[in-house]
Protein backbone atom coordinates (compact mmCIF):
# COMPACT_ATOMS: atom_id res chain seq x y z
CA MET A 1 -76.17 21.45 56.50
CA ASP A 2 -73.31 18.93 56.44
CA VAL A 3 -73.70 18.08 52.76
CA GLU A 4 -70.81 18.99 50.47
CA MET A 5 -71.97 21.51 47.87
CA SER A 6 -71.09 19.12 45.04
CA GLU A 7 -73.59 16.64 46.50
CA LEU A 8 -76.53 19.02 46.22
CA PRO A 9 -79.31 18.19 43.77
CA GLU A 10 -79.14 20.24 40.58
CA ILE A 11 -82.02 22.52 41.56
CA GLU A 12 -80.23 23.49 44.78
CA LEU A 13 -76.99 24.48 43.02
CA LEU A 14 -78.58 27.49 41.34
CA PRO A 15 -79.84 29.26 44.48
CA ALA A 16 -76.61 28.30 46.27
CA SER A 17 -74.58 30.00 43.53
CA ILE A 18 -76.71 33.15 43.69
CA GLU A 19 -76.35 33.36 47.47
CA ARG A 20 -72.76 32.19 47.95
CA VAL A 21 -71.16 33.57 44.78
CA TRP A 22 -73.15 36.40 43.23
CA ASN A 23 -73.93 38.07 46.59
CA GLU A 24 -70.53 37.49 48.21
CA ARG A 25 -68.36 40.59 48.55
CA ASN A 26 -65.48 38.82 50.32
CA ASP A 27 -63.03 37.60 47.66
CA ASP A 28 -61.78 34.57 49.61
CA ARG A 29 -65.23 33.30 50.56
CA ARG A 30 -66.51 33.88 47.03
CA LEU A 31 -63.63 31.97 45.43
CA GLU A 32 -64.11 29.11 47.91
CA ALA A 33 -67.81 28.95 46.98
CA ILE A 34 -67.02 29.04 43.26
CA LYS A 35 -64.65 26.09 43.67
CA ALA A 36 -67.34 24.17 45.58
CA LEU A 37 -70.14 24.85 43.09
CA TYR A 38 -68.53 25.20 39.64
CA ALA A 39 -66.39 22.79 37.63
CA PRO A 40 -62.82 24.03 37.04
CA ASP A 41 -63.55 24.49 33.32
CA CYS A 42 -66.97 26.08 33.81
CA VAL A 43 -68.16 28.77 31.44
CA VAL A 44 -70.45 31.62 32.46
CA TYR A 45 -72.31 33.21 29.57
CA GLU A 46 -73.31 36.85 29.93
CA PRO A 47 -74.99 38.51 26.94
CA GLY A 48 -71.78 40.24 25.87
CA ARG A 49 -69.12 37.67 26.76
CA PRO A 50 -68.28 34.23 28.03
CA ILE A 51 -66.22 33.91 31.22
CA SER A 52 -64.20 30.77 31.84
CA GLY A 53 -62.60 29.54 35.05
CA HIS A 54 -62.87 30.19 38.76
CA GLU A 55 -60.50 33.17 39.05
CA ALA A 56 -62.04 35.01 36.11
CA MET A 57 -65.55 34.43 37.46
CA SER A 58 -64.58 35.76 40.88
CA LYS A 59 -63.10 38.92 39.31
CA VAL A 60 -66.29 39.52 37.31
CA VAL A 61 -68.46 39.16 40.42
CA ALA A 62 -66.15 41.47 42.40
CA GLY A 63 -66.41 44.09 39.66
CA LEU A 64 -70.17 43.77 39.42
CA LEU A 65 -70.74 44.04 43.16
CA GLY A 66 -68.18 46.85 43.39
CA ASP A 67 -70.33 48.89 41.00
CA MET A 68 -73.48 48.31 43.06
CA PRO A 69 -74.63 50.32 46.07
CA SER A 70 -74.26 49.08 49.62
CA GLY A 71 -77.00 46.59 50.43
CA PHE A 72 -77.40 45.42 46.82
CA ARG A 73 -78.34 41.71 46.60
CA PHE A 74 -79.64 39.19 44.12
CA GLU A 75 -82.49 36.87 45.09
CA THR A 76 -84.49 34.21 43.34
CA VAL A 77 -88.11 34.99 42.62
CA GLY A 78 -90.38 32.17 41.66
CA PRO A 79 -89.76 28.47 41.45
CA ILE A 80 -86.48 26.78 40.63
CA VAL A 81 -87.14 24.00 38.17
CA GLY A 82 -84.84 21.49 36.59
CA HIS A 83 -84.34 18.08 35.08
CA HIS A 84 -81.68 16.14 33.18
CA GLY A 85 -78.88 18.30 34.60
CA VAL A 86 -80.42 21.66 33.69
CA SER A 87 -82.06 24.13 36.10
CA THR A 88 -83.57 27.57 35.71
CA THR A 89 -85.07 30.32 37.83
CA ARG A 90 -85.98 33.99 37.71
CA TRP A 91 -84.13 36.51 39.86
CA GLN A 92 -84.10 40.15 40.82
CA GLY A 93 -81.39 42.41 42.16
CA GLY A 94 -81.40 45.64 44.08
CA THR A 95 -81.33 47.24 47.47
CA PRO A 96 -84.15 46.62 49.97
CA GLY A 97 -87.38 47.94 48.44
CA ASN A 98 -85.70 48.97 45.17
CA VAL A 99 -85.38 46.35 42.42
CA THR A 100 -83.06 47.59 39.66
CA LEU A 101 -82.32 44.41 37.67
CA THR A 102 -84.39 41.37 36.77
CA GLY A 103 -83.77 38.32 34.67
CA ALA A 104 -83.37 34.56 34.55
CA ASP A 105 -80.52 32.09 34.98
CA VAL A 106 -80.02 28.67 33.46
CA ILE A 107 -77.34 26.24 34.61
CA ARG A 108 -76.14 22.92 33.30
CA VAL A 109 -74.76 20.49 35.88
CA LYS A 110 -72.42 17.55 35.35
CA ASP A 111 -71.01 15.33 38.09
CA GLY A 112 -72.60 17.54 40.75
CA LEU A 113 -70.97 20.81 39.61
CA ILE A 114 -72.12 23.67 37.41
CA VAL A 115 -70.42 23.44 34.01
CA GLU A 116 -72.38 26.20 32.23
CA HIS A 117 -74.24 29.19 33.66
CA TYR A 118 -76.30 31.42 31.36
CA PHE A 119 -77.55 34.88 32.39
CA PHE A 120 -80.54 36.54 30.75
CA PHE A 121 -81.28 40.15 31.68
CA ASP A 122 -84.76 41.59 31.21
CA PRO A 123 -84.87 44.76 29.11
CA LYS A 124 -85.32 47.93 31.11
CA PRO A 125 -88.79 49.46 30.66
């Protein structure tokens, strides 16, 4: 695909961020993807804290993935829907055949970049 990431439609930014940012264990590739997908002043909202900026986001992802077992990945499950600059989808995370986390993401897009990313984690049974 020869399209710059910032030219992607809003519903394609969310799965691109999950694949290229939240599953990327290489710091350099992850930071490059963050810069391509997220506005410089983006804010990521986890239930316990907001995270602002590219470097901070990359450190959070590195820490998260560092705590997960080898082979751990996030993937979208279900449709990705969006309109008026907002998109949402459900996701799951785990190793092959073993889902350990589930939830939903919502992003807000402005000028082709993610400016807000909200994470919602399903309660554990």
